[in-house]
All heavy atoms as atom14 arrays in JSON, in Angstrom:
{
  "sequence": "DLQIIFQDPFASLDPRFRVEDIVAEPLIIHRALRHW",
  "atom14_mask": [
    [1, 1, 1, 1, 1, 1, 1, 1, 0, 0, 0, 0, 0, 0],
    [1, 1, 1, 1, 1, 1, 1, 1, 0, 0, 0, 0, 0, 0],
    [1, 1, 1, 1, 1, 1, 1, 1, 1, 0, 0, 0, 0, 0],
    [1, 1, 1, 1, 1, 1, 1, 1, 0, 0, 0, 0, 0, 0],
    [1, 1, 1, 1, 1, 1, 1, 1, 0, 0, 0, 0, 0, 0],
    [1, 1, 1, 1, 1, 1, 1, 1, 1, 1, 1, 0, 0, 0],
    [1, 1, 1, 1, 1, 1, 1, 1, 1, 0, 0, 0, 0, 0],
    [1, 1, 1, 1, 1, 1, 1, 1, 0, 0, 0, 0, 0, 0],
    [1, 1, 1, 1, 1, 1, 1, 0, 0, 0, 0, 0, 0, 0],
    [1, 1, 1, 1, 1, 1, 1, 1, 1, 1, 1, 0, 0, 0],
    [1, 1, 1, 1, 1, 0, 0, 0, 0, 0, 0, 0, 0, 0],
    [1, 1, 1, 1, 1, 1, 0, 0, 0, 0, 0, 0, 0, 0],
    [1, 1, 1, 1, 1, 1, 1, 1, 0, 0, 0, 0, 0, 0],
    [1, 1, 1, 1, 1, 1, 1, 1, 0, 0, 0, 0, 0, 0],
    [1, 1, 1, 1, 1, 1, 1, 0, 0, 0, 0, 0, 0, 0],
    [1, 1, 1, 1, 1, 1, 1, 1, 1, 1, 1, 0, 0, 0],
    [1, 1, 1, 1, 1, 1, 1, 1, 1, 1, 1, 0, 0, 0],
    [1, 1, 1, 1, 1, 1, 1, 1, 1, 1, 1, 0, 0, 0],
    [1, 1, 1, 1, 1, 1, 1, 0, 0, 0, 0, 0, 0, 0],
    [1, 1, 1, 1, 1, 1, 1, 1, 1, 0, 0, 0, 0, 0],
    [1, 1, 1, 1, 1, 1, 1, 1, 0, 0, 0, 0, 0, 0],
    [1, 1, 1, 1, 1, 1, 1, 1, 0, 0, 0, 0, 0, 0],
    [1, 1, 1, 1, 1, 1, 1, 0, 0, 0, 0, 0, 0, 0],
    [1, 1, 1, 1, 1, 0, 0, 0, 0, 0, 0, 0, 0, 0],
    [1, 1, 1, 1, 1, 1, 1, 1, 1, 0, 0, 0, 0, 0],
    [1, 1, 1, 1, 1, 1, 1, 0, 0, 0, 0, 0, 0, 0],
    [1, 1, 1, 1, 1, 1, 1, 1, 0, 0, 0, 0, 0, 0],
    [1, 1, 1, 1, 1, 1, 1, 1, 0, 0, 0, 0, 0, 0],
    [1, 1, 1, 1, 1, 1, 1, 1, 0, 0, 0, 0, 0, 0],
    [1, 1, 1, 1, 1, 1, 1, 1, 1, 1, 0, 0, 0, 0],
    [1, 1, 1, 1, 1, 1, 1, 1, 1, 1, 1, 0, 0, 0],
    [1, 1, 1, 1, 1, 0, 0, 0, 0, 0, 0, 0, 0, 0],
    [1, 1, 1, 1, 1, 1, 1, 1, 0, 0, 0, 0, 0, 0],
    [1, 1, 1, 1, 1, 1, 1, 1, 1, 1, 1, 0, 0, 0],
    [1, 1, 1, 1, 1, 1, 1, 1, 1, 1, 0, 0, 0, 0],
    [1, 1, 1, 1, 1, 1, 1, 1, 1, 1, 1, 1, 1, 1]
  ],
  "atom14_positions": [
    [[-5.78, -1.88, -7.16], [-5.64, -3.25, -7.34], [-4.31, -3.7, -7.67], [-3.92, -4.95, -7.67], [-6.63, -3.82, -8.46], [-8.05, -3.91, -8.02], [-8.3, -4.23, -6.89], [-8.91, -3.58, -8.76], [0.0, 0.0, 0.0], [0.0, 0.0, 0.0], [0.0, 0.0, 0.0], [0.0, 0.0, 0.0], [0.0, 0.0, 0.0], [0.0, 0.0, 0.0]],
    [[-3.39, -2.75, -8.03], [-2.1, -3.04, -8.54], [-1.05, -2.27, -7.58], [-0.96, -1.06, -7.81], [-1.96, -2.63, -10.07], [-3.02, -3.06, -11.01], [-2.98, -2.31, -12.26], [-2.9, -4.63, -11.19], [0.0, 0.0, 0.0], [0.0, 0.0, 0.0], [0.0, 0.0, 0.0], [0.0, 0.0, 0.0], [0.0, 0.0, 0.0], [0.0, 0.0, 0.0]],
    [[-0.32, -3.04, -6.89], [0.61, -2.37, -5.89], [2.02, -2.91, -6.05], [2.17, -3.86, -6.82], [0.07, -2.6, -4.45], [-1.26, -1.89, -4.09], [-1.09, -0.44, -4.14], [-0.18, 0.09, -3.47], [-1.9, 0.28, -4.89], [0.0, 0.0, 0.0], [0.0, 0.0, 0.0], [0.0, 0.0, 0.0], [0.0, 0.0, 0.0], [0.0, 0.0, 0.0]],
    [[2.96, -2.28, -5.4], [4.37, -2.68, -5.49], [4.96, -2.63, -4.09], [4.66, -1.79, -3.28], [5.11, -1.69, -6.43], [6.46, -2.21, -6.59], [5.08, -0.2, -5.92], [7.3, -1.42, -7.74], [0.0, 0.0, 0.0], [0.0, 0.0, 0.0], [0.0, 0.0, 0.0], [0.0, 0.0, 0.0], [0.0, 0.0, 0.0], [0.0, 0.0, 0.0]],
    [[5.88, -3.57, -3.86], [6.74, -3.51, -2.68], [8.15, -3.33, -3.29], [8.71, -4.03, -4.09], [6.75, -4.95, -2.0], [5.39, -5.26, -1.48], [7.7, -4.92, -0.79], [5.12, -6.65, -1.02], [0.0, 0.0, 0.0], [0.0, 0.0, 0.0], [0.0, 0.0, 0.0], [0.0, 0.0, 0.0], [0.0, 0.0, 0.0], [0.0, 0.0, 0.0]],
    [[8.78, -2.19, -2.74], [10.06, -1.78, -3.36], [11.23, -2.56, -2.8], [11.17, -3.11, -1.67], [10.22, -0.27, -3.06], [9.25, 0.57, -3.92], [8.19, 1.04, -3.27], [9.44, 0.84, -5.23], [7.2, 1.92, -3.95], [8.51, 1.62, -5.89], [7.38, 2.1, -5.32], [0.0, 0.0, 0.0], [0.0, 0.0, 0.0], [0.0, 0.0, 0.0]],
    [[12.32, -2.42, -3.54], [13.59, -3.09, -3.16], [14.15, -2.51, -1.84], [14.64, -3.25, -0.95], [14.54, -2.96, -4.26], [15.95, -3.54, -4.01], [16.88, -3.47, -5.13], [16.5, -2.89, -6.22], [18.09, -3.8, -5.04], [0.0, 0.0, 0.0], [0.0, 0.0, 0.0], [0.0, 0.0, 0.0], [0.0, 0.0, 0.0], [0.0, 0.0, 0.0]],
    [[14.28, -1.16, -1.76], [15.02, -0.58, -0.65], [14.1, -0.14, 0.5], [13.46, 0.86, 0.3], [15.79, 0.64, -1.22], [16.73, 1.27, -0.26], [16.69, 0.84, 0.98], [17.56, 2.09, -0.63], [0.0, 0.0, 0.0], [0.0, 0.0, 0.0], [0.0, 0.0, 0.0], [0.0, 0.0, 0.0], [0.0, 0.0, 0.0], [0.0, 0.0, 0.0]],
    [[14.06, -0.8, 1.58], [13.19, -0.41, 2.68], [13.6, 0.9, 3.35], [12.79, 1.54, 4.12], [13.22, -1.61, 3.61], [14.57, -2.19, 3.39], [14.91, -1.99, 1.89], [0.0, 0.0, 0.0], [0.0, 0.0, 0.0], [0.0, 0.0, 0.0], [0.0, 0.0, 0.0], [0.0, 0.0, 0.0], [0.0, 0.0, 0.0], [0.0, 0.0, 0.0]],
    [[14.84, 1.29, 3.08], [15.32, 2.55, 3.69], [14.85, 3.79, 2.83], [14.63, 4.85, 3.41], [16.8, 2.54, 3.8], [17.32, 1.42, 4.71], [17.64, 0.22, 4.32], [17.38, 1.65, 6.11], [18.08, -0.79, 5.1], [17.78, 0.62, 6.92], [18.15, -0.6, 6.51], [0.0, 0.0, 0.0], [0.0, 0.0, 0.0], [0.0, 0.0, 0.0]],
    [[14.79, 3.65, 1.56], [14.45, 4.73, 0.71], [12.95, 4.86, 0.39], [12.55, 5.88, -0.06], [15.19, 4.72, -0.61], [0.0, 0.0, 0.0], [0.0, 0.0, 0.0], [0.0, 0.0, 0.0], [0.0, 0.0, 0.0], [0.0, 0.0, 0.0], [0.0, 0.0, 0.0], [0.0, 0.0, 0.0], [0.0, 0.0, 0.0], [0.0, 0.0, 0.0]],
    [[12.2, 3.84, 0.56], [10.8, 3.73, 0.14], [9.84, 4.38, 1.14], [8.69, 4.51, 0.84], [10.42, 2.33, -0.23], [10.47, 1.43, 0.93], [0.0, 0.0, 0.0], [0.0, 0.0, 0.0], [0.0, 0.0, 0.0], [0.0, 0.0, 0.0], [0.0, 0.0, 0.0], [0.0, 0.0, 0.0], [0.0, 0.0, 0.0], [0.0, 0.0, 0.0]],
    [[10.26, 4.68, 2.3], [9.43, 5.29, 3.4], [9.77, 6.71, 3.6], [11.0, 6.91, 3.85], [9.45, 4.42, 4.66], [9.24, 2.94, 4.57], [9.39, 2.3, 5.92], [7.78, 2.59, 4.0], [0.0, 0.0, 0.0], [0.0, 0.0, 0.0], [0.0, 0.0, 0.0], [0.0, 0.0, 0.0], [0.0, 0.0, 0.0], [0.0, 0.0, 0.0]],
    [[8.77, 7.57, 3.68], [9.07, 9.04, 3.96], [9.54, 9.19, 5.32], [8.76, 8.86, 6.37], [7.74, 9.81, 3.7], [8.06, 11.26, 3.68], [8.88, 11.8, 4.37], [7.36, 11.93, 2.82], [0.0, 0.0, 0.0], [0.0, 0.0, 0.0], [0.0, 0.0, 0.0], [0.0, 0.0, 0.0], [0.0, 0.0, 0.0], [0.0, 0.0, 0.0]],
    [[10.66, 9.61, 5.63], [11.17, 9.73, 6.99], [10.48, 10.73, 7.86], [10.56, 10.8, 9.11], [12.68, 10.18, 6.79], [12.72, 10.86, 5.45], [11.73, 10.16, 4.64], [0.0, 0.0, 0.0], [0.0, 0.0, 0.0], [0.0, 0.0, 0.0], [0.0, 0.0, 0.0], [0.0, 0.0, 0.0], [0.0, 0.0, 0.0], [0.0, 0.0, 0.0]],
    [[9.64, 11.61, 7.23], [8.94, 12.61, 7.99], [7.64, 12.17, 8.53], [7.08, 12.83, 9.4], [8.65, 13.88, 7.09], [9.92, 14.5, 6.52], [9.53, 15.5, 5.33], [8.8, 14.79, 4.21], [8.38, 15.38, 3.28], [8.35, 16.72, 3.1], [7.78, 14.67, 2.23], [0.0, 0.0, 0.0], [0.0, 0.0, 0.0], [0.0, 0.0, 0.0]],
    [[7.18, 11.04, 8.07], [5.9, 10.46, 8.45], [6.1, 9.46, 9.56], [7.02, 8.61, 9.48], [5.21, 9.8, 7.22], [4.59, 10.77, 6.31], [4.9, 12.15, 6.32], [3.77, 10.38, 5.23], [4.29, 13.07, 5.46], [3.15, 11.19, 4.39], [3.45, 12.61, 4.45], [0.0, 0.0, 0.0], [0.0, 0.0, 0.0], [0.0, 0.0, 0.0]],
    [[5.13, 9.4, 10.51], [5.01, 8.25, 11.4], [4.43, 7.05, 10.63], [3.87, 7.19, 9.5], [4.18, 8.61, 12.55], [4.51, 9.72, 13.45], [3.55, 10.11, 14.47], [2.25, 10.36, 13.82], [1.03, 10.13, 14.45], [1.03, 9.67, 15.63], [-0.05, 10.37, 13.75], [0.0, 0.0, 0.0], [0.0, 0.0, 0.0], [0.0, 0.0, 0.0]],
    [[4.62, 5.86, 11.21], [4.16, 4.61, 10.52], [2.75, 4.73, 10.33], [2.25, 4.32, 9.21], [4.58, 3.42, 11.38], [3.84, 2.15, 10.97], [6.12, 3.26, 11.41], [0.0, 0.0, 0.0], [0.0, 0.0, 0.0], [0.0, 0.0, 0.0], [0.0, 0.0, 0.0], [0.0, 0.0, 0.0], [0.0, 0.0, 0.0], [0.0, 0.0, 0.0]],
    [[1.89, 5.2, 11.21], [0.48, 5.23, 11.08], [0.18, 6.11, 9.83], [-0.69, 5.66, 9.03], [-0.18, 5.82, 12.29], [-1.7, 5.92, 12.14], [-2.44, 6.02, 13.4], [-1.86, 6.46, 14.45], [-3.59, 5.62, 13.51], [0.0, 0.0, 0.0], [0.0, 0.0, 0.0], [0.0, 0.0, 0.0], [0.0, 0.0, 0.0], [0.0, 0.0, 0.0]],
    [[0.81, 7.2, 9.59], [0.59, 8.04, 8.5], [1.0, 7.36, 7.22], [0.32, 7.56, 6.15], [1.26, 9.36, 8.66], [0.94, 10.12, 9.84], [-0.28, 10.02, 10.2], [1.81, 10.74, 10.51], [0.0, 0.0, 0.0], [0.0, 0.0, 0.0], [0.0, 0.0, 0.0], [0.0, 0.0, 0.0], [0.0, 0.0, 0.0], [0.0, 0.0, 0.0]],
    [[2.16, 6.59, 7.18], [2.59, 6.0, 6.02], [1.56, 4.9, 5.59], [1.26, 4.84, 4.39], [4.04, 5.31, 6.26], [5.05, 6.37, 6.41], [4.38, 4.38, 5.17], [6.3, 5.87, 7.0], [0.0, 0.0, 0.0], [0.0, 0.0, 0.0], [0.0, 0.0, 0.0], [0.0, 0.0, 0.0], [0.0, 0.0, 0.0], [0.0, 0.0, 0.0]],
    [[1.06, 4.15, 6.42], [0.25, 3.06, 6.1], [-1.22, 3.6, 5.8], [-1.97, 3.11, 4.9], [0.12, 2.01, 7.29], [-0.96, 0.91, 6.9], [1.44, 1.39, 7.47], [0.0, 0.0, 0.0], [0.0, 0.0, 0.0], [0.0, 0.0, 0.0], [0.0, 0.0, 0.0], [0.0, 0.0, 0.0], [0.0, 0.0, 0.0], [0.0, 0.0, 0.0]],
    [[-1.61, 4.62, 6.45], [-2.97, 5.21, 6.21], [-3.05, 6.11, 4.97], [-4.19, 6.25, 4.42], [-3.29, 6.09, 7.45], [0.0, 0.0, 0.0], [0.0, 0.0, 0.0], [0.0, 0.0, 0.0], [0.0, 0.0, 0.0], [0.0, 0.0, 0.0], [0.0, 0.0, 0.0], [0.0, 0.0, 0.0], [0.0, 0.0, 0.0], [0.0, 0.0, 0.0]],
    [[-1.98, 6.56, 4.49], [-2.01, 7.54, 3.29], [-2.75, 6.95, 2.14], [-3.62, 7.74, 1.63], [-0.61, 7.91, 2.92], [-0.56, 8.96, 1.83], [0.82, 9.38, 1.46], [1.79, 8.51, 1.61], [0.99, 10.45, 0.95], [0.0, 0.0, 0.0], [0.0, 0.0, 0.0], [0.0, 0.0, 0.0], [0.0, 0.0, 0.0], [0.0, 0.0, 0.0]],
    [[-2.49, 5.71, 1.67], [-3.27, 5.3, 0.55], [-4.83, 5.12, 0.81], [-5.61, 5.4, -0.08], [-2.66, 3.95, 0.17], [-1.89, 3.56, 1.31], [-1.41, 4.9, 1.98], [0.0, 0.0, 0.0], [0.0, 0.0, 0.0], [0.0, 0.0, 0.0], [0.0, 0.0, 0.0], [0.0, 0.0, 0.0], [0.0, 0.0, 0.0], [0.0, 0.0, 0.0]],
    [[-5.06, 4.78, 2.03], [-6.57, 4.7, 2.44], [-7.2, 6.06, 2.34], [-8.34, 6.13, 1.82], [-6.66, 4.2, 3.86], [-6.17, 2.67, 4.11], [-6.1, 2.4, 5.53], [-7.12, 1.8, 3.44], [0.0, 0.0, 0.0], [0.0, 0.0, 0.0], [0.0, 0.0, 0.0], [0.0, 0.0, 0.0], [0.0, 0.0, 0.0], [0.0, 0.0, 0.0]],
    [[-6.55, 7.08, 2.81], [-7.13, 8.46, 2.74], [-7.22, 8.99, 1.38], [-8.25, 9.55, 0.97], [-6.32, 9.32, 3.64], [-6.39, 8.94, 5.09], [-6.75, 10.79, 3.46], [-5.35, 9.6, 6.0], [0.0, 0.0, 0.0], [0.0, 0.0, 0.0], [0.0, 0.0, 0.0], [0.0, 0.0, 0.0], [0.0, 0.0, 0.0], [0.0, 0.0, 0.0]],
    [[-6.28, 8.64, 0.57], [-6.27, 9.19, -0.85], [-7.36, 8.47, -1.68], [-8.15, 9.15, -2.4], [-4.87, 8.92, -1.58], [-3.88, 9.82, -0.94], [-5.01, 9.11, -3.09], [-2.49, 9.5, -1.42], [0.0, 0.0, 0.0], [0.0, 0.0, 0.0], [0.0, 0.0, 0.0], [0.0, 0.0, 0.0], [0.0, 0.0, 0.0], [0.0, 0.0, 0.0]],
    [[-7.55, 7.21, -1.48], [-8.56, 6.43, -2.24], [-9.94, 6.39, -1.6], [-10.83, 5.81, -2.26], [-8.03, 4.96, -2.51], [-6.99, 4.98, -3.57], [-7.19, 4.52, -4.82], [-5.62, 5.26, -3.5], [-6.12, 4.56, -5.5], [-5.19, 5.0, -4.71], [0.0, 0.0, 0.0], [0.0, 0.0, 0.0], [0.0, 0.0, 0.0], [0.0, 0.0, 0.0]],
    [[-10.1, 7.0, -0.45], [-11.4, 6.95, 0.28], [-12.52, 7.55, -0.61], [-13.57, 6.96, -0.76], [-11.24, 7.63, 1.57], [-12.58, 7.69, 2.31], [-12.36, 8.15, 3.75], [-11.64, 9.37, 3.9], [-11.03, 9.81, 5.01], [-11.12, 9.11, 6.07], [-10.34, 10.95, 4.95], [0.0, 0.0, 0.0], [0.0, 0.0, 0.0], [0.0, 0.0, 0.0]],
    [[-12.23, 8.72, -1.18], [-13.26, 9.24, -2.04], [-13.51, 8.6, -3.35], [-14.63, 8.42, -3.84], [-12.85, 10.73, -2.29], [0.0, 0.0, 0.0], [0.0, 0.0, 0.0], [0.0, 0.0, 0.0], [0.0, 0.0, 0.0], [0.0, 0.0, 0.0], [0.0, 0.0, 0.0], [0.0, 0.0, 0.0], [0.0, 0.0, 0.0], [0.0, 0.0, 0.0]],
    [[-12.35, 7.96, -3.89], [-12.51, 7.24, -5.09], [-13.33, 6.03, -5.05], [-14.16, 5.62, -5.98], [-11.08, 6.89, -5.72], [-10.27, 8.1, -6.28], [-8.86, 7.5, -6.54], [-10.88, 8.49, -7.61], [0.0, 0.0, 0.0], [0.0, 0.0, 0.0], [0.0, 0.0, 0.0], [0.0, 0.0, 0.0], [0.0, 0.0, 0.0], [0.0, 0.0, 0.0]],
    [[-13.16, 5.29, -3.94], [-13.85, 3.99, -3.76], [-15.07, 4.05, -2.86], [-15.69, 3.06, -2.75], [-12.87, 2.99, -3.21], [-11.64, 2.79, -4.13], [-10.66, 1.81, -3.64], [-11.16, 0.45, -3.64], [-10.43, -0.64, -3.59], [-9.11, -0.6, -3.6], [-11.0, -1.84, -3.67], [0.0, 0.0, 0.0], [0.0, 0.0, 0.0], [0.0, 0.0, 0.0]],
    [[-15.4, 5.24, -2.38], [-16.63, 5.37, -1.61], [-16.71, 4.37, -0.48], [-17.67, 3.61, -0.37], [-17.78, 5.25, -2.53], [-17.79, 6.22, -3.65], [-17.88, 7.59, -3.52], [-17.7, 6.05, -5.01], [-17.82, 8.33, -4.65], [-17.68, 7.26, -5.6], [0.0, 0.0, 0.0], [0.0, 0.0, 0.0], [0.0, 0.0, 0.0], [0.0, 0.0, 0.0]],
    [[-15.71, 4.42, 0.33], [-15.74, 3.52, 1.52], [-16.35, 4.14, 2.69], [-15.7, 4.94, 3.38], [-14.28, 3.12, 1.86], [-13.66, 2.21, 0.99], [-14.21, 1.14, 0.16], [-12.21, 1.83, 0.82], [-13.28, 0.39, -0.43], [-12.12, 0.83, -0.1], [-11.11, 2.44, 1.43], [-10.92, 0.27, -0.47], [-9.9, 1.92, 1.02], [-9.74, 0.87, 0.09]]
  ]
}
């Protein structure tokens, strides 16, 4: 419920991940916690 948008758009994204993986990561991590 509590998220952050960081100042530096160049440093805040993992360069090894594709955009789909970056956006999906929190969904996958919290899937078990929130029983979606």
